[in-house]
Structure formats: C-alpha cells, structure tokens
PDB file of all heavy atoms in Angstrom:
ATOM      1  N   HIS A   1     165.968  53.797 -61.910  1.00  0.00           N
ATOM      2  CA  HIS A   1     166.538  54.643 -62.952  1.00  0.00           C
ATOM      3  C   HIS A   1     166.706  53.860 -64.251  1.00  0.00           C
ATOM      4  O   HIS A   1     166.394  54.364 -65.339  1.00  0.00           O
ATOM      5  CB  HIS A   1     167.890  55.211 -62.501  1.00  0.00           C
ATOM      6  CG  HIS A   1     168.566  56.046 -63.539  1.00  0.00           C
ATOM      7  ND1 HIS A   1     168.104  57.299 -63.897  1.00  0.00           N
ATOM      8  CD2 HIS A   1     169.653  55.799 -64.323  1.00  0.00           C
ATOM      9  CE1 HIS A   1     168.883  57.791 -64.848  1.00  0.00           C
ATOM     10  NE2 HIS A   1     169.824  56.901 -65.127  1.00  0.00           N
ATOM     11  N   GLU A   2     167.185  52.618 -64.143  1.00  0.00           N
ATOM     12  CA  GLU A   2     167.354  51.786 -65.334  1.00  0.00           C
ATOM     13  C   GLU A   2     166.016  51.547 -66.023  1.00  0.00           C
ATOM     14  O   GLU A   2     165.911  51.637 -67.245  1.00  0.00           O
ATOM     15  CB  GLU A   2     167.985  50.434 -64.947  1.00  0.00           C
ATOM     16  CG  GLU A   2     169.453  50.520 -64.591  1.00  0.00           C
ATOM     17  CD  GLU A   2     170.018  49.164 -64.206  1.00  0.00           C
ATOM     18  OE1 GLU A   2     169.289  48.141 -64.374  1.00  0.00           O
ATOM     19  OE2 GLU A   2     171.172  49.108 -63.744  1.00  0.00           O
ATOM     20  N   PHE A   3     165.005  51.257 -65.229  1.00  0.00           N
ATOM     21  CA  PHE A   3     163.684  50.988 -65.801  1.00  0.00           C
ATOM     22  C   PHE A   3     163.100  52.253 -66.427  1.00  0.00           C
ATOM     23  O   PHE A   3     162.568  52.224 -67.545  1.00  0.00           O
ATOM     24  CB  PHE A   3     162.743  50.458 -64.721  1.00  0.00           C
ATOM     25  CG  PHE A   3     161.423  49.982 -65.266  1.00  0.00           C
ATOM     26  CD1 PHE A   3     161.297  48.723 -65.822  1.00  0.00           C
ATOM     27  CD2 PHE A   3     160.306  50.802 -65.230  1.00  0.00           C
ATOM     28  CE1 PHE A   3     160.089  48.280 -66.336  1.00  0.00           C
ATOM     29  CE2 PHE A   3     159.087  50.385 -65.739  1.00  0.00           C
ATOM     30  CZ  PHE A   3     158.979  49.117 -66.291  1.00  0.00           C
ATOM     31  N   GLU A   4     163.222  53.376 -65.717  1.00  0.00           N
ATOM     32  CA  GLU A   4     162.648  54.634 -66.201  1.00  0.00           C
ATOM     33  C   GLU A   4     163.335  55.105 -67.475  1.00  0.00           C
ATOM     34  O   GLU A   4     162.666  55.509 -68.443  1.00  0.00           O
ATOM     35  CB  GLU A   4     162.767  55.698 -65.120  1.00  0.00           C
ATOM     36  CG  GLU A   4     162.154  57.038 -65.523  1.00  0.00           C
ATOM     37  CD  GLU A   4     162.301  58.079 -64.428  1.00  0.00           C
ATOM     38  OE1 GLU A   4     163.243  57.980 -63.629  1.00  0.00           O
ATOM     39  OE2 GLU A   4     161.466  58.999 -64.388  1.00  0.00           O
ATOM     40  N   SER A   5     164.649  55.054 -67.508  1.00  0.00           N
ATOM     41  CA  SER A   5     165.383  55.594 -68.652  1.00  0.00           C
ATOM     42  C   SER A   5     165.125  54.789 -69.922  1.00  0.00           C
ATOM     43  O   SER A   5     165.154  55.339 -71.022  1.00  0.00           O
ATOM     44  CB  SER A   5     166.884  55.614 -68.350  1.00  0.00           C
ATOM     45  OG  SER A   5     167.363  54.308 -68.115  1.00  0.00           O
ATOM     46  N   GLU A   6     164.841  53.504 -69.766  1.00  0.00           N
ATOM     47  CA  GLU A   6     164.687  52.671 -70.955  1.00  0.00           C
ATOM     48  C   GLU A   6     163.239  52.467 -71.374  1.00  0.00           C
ATOM     49  O   GLU A   6     162.947  52.321 -72.561  1.00  0.00           O
ATOM     50  CB  GLU A   6     165.335  51.297 -70.717  1.00  0.00           C
ATOM     51  CG  GLU A   6     165.420  50.460 -71.979  1.00  0.00           C
ATOM     52  CD  GLU A   6     166.465  49.371 -71.881  1.00  0.00           C
ATOM     53  OE1 GLU A   6     167.135  49.276 -70.833  1.00  0.00           O
ATOM     54  OE2 GLU A   6     166.601  48.617 -72.842  1.00  0.00           O
ATOM     55  N   PHE A   7     162.315  52.477 -70.413  1.00  0.00           N
ATOM     56  CA  PHE A   7     160.945  52.079 -70.740  1.00  0.00           C
ATOM     57  C   PHE A   7     159.895  53.160 -70.485  1.00  0.00           C
ATOM     58  O   PHE A   7     158.732  52.967 -70.812  1.00  0.00           O
ATOM     59  CB  PHE A   7     160.570  50.815 -69.946  1.00  0.00           C
ATOM     60  CG  PHE A   7     161.512  49.669 -70.196  1.00  0.00           C
ATOM     61  CD1 PHE A   7     162.349  49.225 -69.191  1.00  0.00           C
ATOM     62  CD2 PHE A   7     161.572  49.064 -71.444  1.00  0.00           C
ATOM     63  CE1 PHE A   7     163.233  48.190 -69.424  1.00  0.00           C
ATOM     64  CE2 PHE A   7     162.446  48.020 -71.681  1.00  0.00           C
ATOM     65  CZ  PHE A   7     163.276  47.574 -70.668  1.00  0.00           C
ATOM     66  N   ASN A   8     160.283  54.301 -69.919  1.00  0.00           N
ATOM     67  CA  ASN A   8     159.324  55.390 -69.739  1.00  0.00           C
ATOM     68  C   ASN A   8     159.259  56.194 -71.034  1.00  0.00           C
ATOM     69  O   ASN A   8     159.841  57.274 -71.165  1.00  0.00           O
ATOM     70  CB  ASN A   8     159.724  56.278 -68.557  1.00  0.00           C
ATOM     71  CG  ASN A   8     158.669  57.326 -68.258  1.00  0.00           C
ATOM     72  OD1 ASN A   8     157.525  57.194 -68.672  1.00  0.00           O
ATOM     73  ND2 ASN A   8     159.067  58.370 -67.544  1.00  0.00           N
ATOM     74  N   THR A   9     158.533  55.651 -71.977  1.00  0.00           N
ATOM     75  CA  THR A   9     158.466  56.262 -73.306  1.00  0.00           C
ATOM     76  C   THR A   9     157.030  56.282 -73.796  1.00  0.00           C
ATOM     77  O   THR A   9     156.226  55.428 -73.420  1.00  0.00           O
ATOM     78  CB  THR A   9     159.341  55.478 -74.306  1.00  0.00           C
ATOM     79  OG1 THR A   9     159.121  55.979 -75.621  1.00  0.00           O
ATOM     80  CG2 THR A   9     159.016  53.994 -74.293  1.00  0.00           C
ATOM     81  N   LEU A  10     156.727  57.264 -74.630  1.00  0.00           N
ATOM     82  CA  LEU A  10     155.383  57.352 -75.200  1.00  0.00           C
ATOM     83  C   LEU A  10     155.168  56.294 -76.283  1.00  0.00           C
ATOM     84  O   LEU A  10     154.039  55.942 -76.602  1.00  0.00           O
ATOM     85  CB  LEU A  10     155.155  58.751 -75.790  1.00  0.00           C
ATOM     86  CG  LEU A  10     155.158  59.900 -74.771  1.00  0.00           C
ATOM     87  CD1 LEU A  10     155.028  61.241 -75.499  1.00  0.00           C
ATOM     88  CD2 LEU A  10     154.027  59.739 -73.764  1.00  0.00           C
ATOM     89  N   GLU A  11     156.258  55.813 -76.853  1.00  0.00           N
ATOM     90  CA  GLU A  11     156.165  54.824 -77.930  1.00  0.00           C
ATOM     91  C   GLU A  11     156.082  53.422 -77.323  1.00  0.00           C
ATOM     92  O   GLU A  11     157.072  52.699 -77.243  1.00  0.00           O
ATOM     93  CB  GLU A  11     157.380  54.938 -78.859  1.00  0.00           C
ATOM     94  CG  GLU A  11     157.525  56.295 -79.516  1.00  0.00           C
ATOM     95  CD  GLU A  11     156.352  56.620 -80.429  1.00  0.00           C
ATOM     96  OE1 GLU A  11     155.793  55.680 -81.034  1.00  0.00           O
ATOM     97  OE2 GLU A  11     155.990  57.802 -80.530  1.00  0.00           O
ATOM     98  N   VAL A  12     154.872  53.054 -76.887  1.00  0.00           N
ATOM     99  CA  VAL A  12     154.693  51.769 -76.228  1.00  0.00           C
ATOM    100  C   VAL A  12     155.070  50.619 -77.146  1.00  0.00           C
ATOM    101  O   VAL A  12     155.641  49.614 -76.723  1.00  0.00           O
ATOM    102  CB  VAL A  12     153.238  51.602 -75.742  1.00  0.00           C
ATOM    103  CG1 VAL A  12     153.029  50.244 -75.091  1.00  0.00           C
ATOM    104  CG2 VAL A  12     152.882  52.715 -74.764  1.00  0.00           C
ATOM    105  N   GLN A  13     154.786  50.767 -78.432  1.00  0.00           N
ATOM    106  CA  GLN A  13     155.064  49.688 -79.379  1.00  0.00           C
ATOM    107  C   GLN A  13     156.559  49.390 -79.494  1.00  0.00           C
ATOM    108  O   GLN A  13     156.944  48.285 -79.881  1.00  0.00           O
ATOM    109  CB  GLN A  13     154.506  50.030 -80.767  1.00  0.00           C
ATOM    110  CG  GLN A  13     152.987  50.080 -80.848  1.00  0.00           C
ATOM    111  CD  GLN A  13     152.419  51.402 -80.332  1.00  0.00           C
ATOM    112  OE1 GLN A  13     153.174  52.310 -79.974  1.00  0.00           O
ATOM    113  NE2 GLN A  13     151.099  51.497 -80.289  1.00  0.00           N
ATOM    114  N   SER A  14     157.396  50.373 -79.180  1.00  0.00           N
ATOM    115  CA  SER A  14     158.836  50.186 -79.331  1.00  0.00           C
ATOM    116  C   SER A  14     159.479  49.500 -78.130  1.00  0.00           C
ATOM    117  O   SER A  14     160.656  49.179 -78.154  1.00  0.00           O
ATOM    118  CB  SER A  14     159.517  51.545 -79.557  1.00  0.00           C
ATOM    119  OG  SER A  14     159.398  52.345 -78.381  1.00  0.00           O
ATOM    120  N   ILE A  15     158.700  49.263 -77.067  1.00  0.00           N
ATOM    121  CA  ILE A  15     159.241  48.658 -75.855  1.00  0.00           C
ATOM    122  C   ILE A  15     159.467  47.165 -76.074  1.00  0.00           C
ATOM    123  O   ILE A  15     158.604  46.461 -76.598  1.00  0.00           O
ATOM    124  CB  ILE A  15     158.285  48.880 -74.663  1.00  0.00           C
ATOM    125  CG1 ILE A  15     158.277  50.357 -74.261  1.00  0.00           C
ATOM    126  CG2 ILE A  15     158.690  48.019 -73.465  1.00  0.00           C
ATOM    127  CD1 ILE A  15     157.316  50.684 -73.137  1.00  0.00           C
ATOM    128  N   ASP A  16     160.629  46.701 -75.683  1.00  0.00           N
ATOM    129  CA  ASP A  16     160.931  45.273 -75.662  1.00  0.00           C
ATOM    130  C   ASP A  16     160.302  44.702 -74.392  1.00  0.00           C
ATOM    131  O   ASP A  16     160.852  44.824 -73.300  1.00  0.00           O
ATOM    132  CB  ASP A  16     162.450  45.051 -75.662  1.00  0.00           C
ATOM    133  CG  ASP A  16     162.832  43.581 -75.699  1.00  0.00           C
ATOM    134  OD1 ASP A  16     162.010  42.745 -75.267  1.00  0.00           O
ATOM    135  OD2 ASP A  16     163.960  43.279 -76.133  1.00  0.00           O
ATOM    136  N   HIS A  17     159.117  44.097 -74.534  1.00  0.00           N
ATOM    137  CA  HIS A  17     158.354  43.698 -73.354  1.00  0.00           C
ATOM    138  C   HIS A  17     159.037  42.590 -72.553  1.00  0.00           C
ATOM    139  O   HIS A  17     158.896  42.535 -71.326  1.00  0.00           O
ATOM    140  CB  HIS A  17     156.940  43.275 -73.761  1.00  0.00           C
ATOM    141  CG  HIS A  17     156.047  44.435 -74.065  1.00  0.00           C
ATOM    142  ND1 HIS A  17     155.366  45.123 -73.091  1.00  0.00           N
ATOM    143  CD2 HIS A  17     155.752  45.054 -75.240  1.00  0.00           C
ATOM    144  CE1 HIS A  17     154.671  46.107 -73.637  1.00  0.00           C
ATOM    145  NE2 HIS A  17     154.896  46.090 -74.941  1.00  0.00           N
ATOM    146  N   GLN A  18     159.777  41.735 -73.214  1.00  0.00           N
ATOM    147  CA  GLN A  18     160.493  40.691 -72.491  1.00  0.00           C
ATOM    148  C   GLN A  18     161.587  41.301 -71.611  1.00  0.00           C
ATOM    149  O   GLN A  18     161.738  40.943 -70.437  1.00  0.00           O
ATOM    150  CB  GLN A  18     161.109  39.694 -73.477  1.00  0.00           C
ATOM    151  CG  GLN A  18     161.770  38.506 -72.777  1.00  0.00           C
ATOM    152  CD  GLN A  18     162.196  37.436 -73.762  1.00  0.00           C
ATOM    153  OE1 GLN A  18     161.905  37.512 -74.943  1.00  0.00           O
ATOM    154  NE2 GLN A  18     162.901  36.431 -73.268  1.00  0.00           N
ATOM    155  N   LYS A  19     162.316  42.248 -72.163  1.00  0.00           N
ATOM    156  CA  LYS A  19     163.356  42.916 -71.389  1.00  0.00           C
ATOM    157  C   LYS A  19     162.741  43.779 -70.288  1.00  0.00           C
ATOM    158  O   LYS A  19     163.237  43.827 -69.158  1.00  0.00           O
ATOM    159  CB  LYS A  19     164.219  43.773 -72.310  1.00  0.00           C
ATOM    160  CG  LYS A  19     165.426  44.377 -71.596  1.00  0.00           C
ATOM    161  CD  LYS A  19     166.315  45.141 -72.563  1.00  0.00           C
ATOM    162  CE  LYS A  19     167.520  45.731 -71.840  1.00  0.00           C
ATOM    163  NZ  LYS A  19     168.361  46.538 -72.737  1.00  0.00           N
ATOM    164  N   ALA A  20     161.632  44.466 -70.635  1.00  0.00           N
ATOM    165  CA  ALA A  20     160.961  45.315 -69.651  1.00  0.00           C
ATOM    166  C   ALA A  20     160.455  44.490 -68.471  1.00  0.00           C
ATOM    167  O   ALA A  20     160.536  44.905 -67.310  1.00  0.00           O
ATOM    168  CB  ALA A  20     159.803  46.067 -70.309  1.00  0.00           C
ATOM    169  N   THR A  21     159.931  43.298 -68.771  1.00  0.00           N
ATOM    170  CA  THR A  21     159.447  42.411 -67.708  1.00  0.00           C
ATOM    171  C   THR A  21     160.585  42.031 -66.764  1.00  0.00           C
ATOM    172  O   THR A  21     160.431  42.045 -65.536  1.00  0.00           O
ATOM    173  CB  THR A  21     158.827  41.137 -68.310  1.00  0.00           C
ATOM    174  OG1 THR A  21     157.701  41.496 -69.120  1.00  0.00           O
ATOM    175  CG2 THR A  21     158.355  40.180 -67.217  1.00  0.00           C
ATOM    176  N   GLY A  22     161.748  41.713 -67.353  1.00  0.00           N
ATOM    177  CA  GLY A  22     162.910  41.367 -66.536  1.00  0.00           C
ATOM    178  C   GLY A  22     163.362  42.522 -65.662  1.00  0.00           C
ATOM    179  O   GLY A  22     163.667  42.337 -64.473  1.00  0.00           O
ATOM    180  N   GLU A  23     163.407  43.725 -66.236  1.00  0.00           N
ATOM    181  CA  GLU A  23     163.854  44.894 -65.473  1.00  0.00           C
ATOM    182  C   GLU A  23     162.850  45.265 -64.390  1.00  0.00           C
ATOM    183  O   GLU A  23     163.230  45.682 -63.287  1.00  0.00           O
ATOM    184  CB  GLU A  23     164.081  46.080 -66.421  1.00  0.00           C
ATOM    185  CG  GLU A  23     165.236  45.913 -67.391  1.00  0.00           C
ATOM    186  CD  GLU A  23     166.586  45.891 -66.686  1.00  0.00           C
ATOM    187  OE1 GLU A  23     166.668  46.320 -65.511  1.00  0.00           O
ATOM    188  OE2 GLU A  23     167.564  45.440 -67.302  1.00  0.00           O
ATOM    189  N   PHE A  24     161.563  45.127 -64.713  1.00  0.00           N
ATOM    190  CA  PHE A  24     160.537  45.424 -63.713  1.00  0.00           C
ATOM    191  C   PHE A  24     160.622  44.421 -62.563  1.00  0.00           C
ATOM    192  O   PHE A  24     160.456  44.779 -61.396  1.00  0.00           O
ATOM    193  CB  PHE A  24     159.149  45.383 -64.344  1.00  0.00           C
ATOM    194  CG  PHE A  24     158.053  45.852 -63.429  1.00  0.00           C
ATOM    195  CD1 PHE A  24     157.960  47.181 -63.064  1.00  0.00           C
ATOM    196  CD2 PHE A  24     157.112  44.956 -62.914  1.00  0.00           C
ATOM    197  CE1 PHE A  24     156.955  47.626 -62.215  1.00  0.00           C
ATOM    198  CE2 PHE A  24     156.111  45.386 -62.070  1.00  0.00           C
ATOM    199  CZ  PHE A  24     156.025  46.723 -61.718  1.00  0.00           C
ATOM    200  N   GLY A  25     160.901  43.155 -62.897  1.00  0.00           N
ATOM    201  CA  GLY A  25     161.100  42.150 -61.853  1.00  0.00           C
ATOM    202  C   GLY A  25     162.270  42.504 -60.955  1.00  0.00           C
ATOM    203  O   GLY A  25     162.194  42.352 -59.722  1.00  0.00           O
TER     204      GLY A  25
END
C-alpha cells in the first residue's frame, strides 16, 4: 500500500527513485 500510494503514478519523472528503490526493497 505504501509503495502503491506513493509511486503508482503516471508522472514517472516526478518519482523520487532513491526513495522508491528503498520502498520497493
């Protein structure tokens, strides 16, 4: 839920990839 709510977005450029990597881990 945390990953989906923050990173499931159409605006890929707006994603904080470092944070997304941590959450995906």
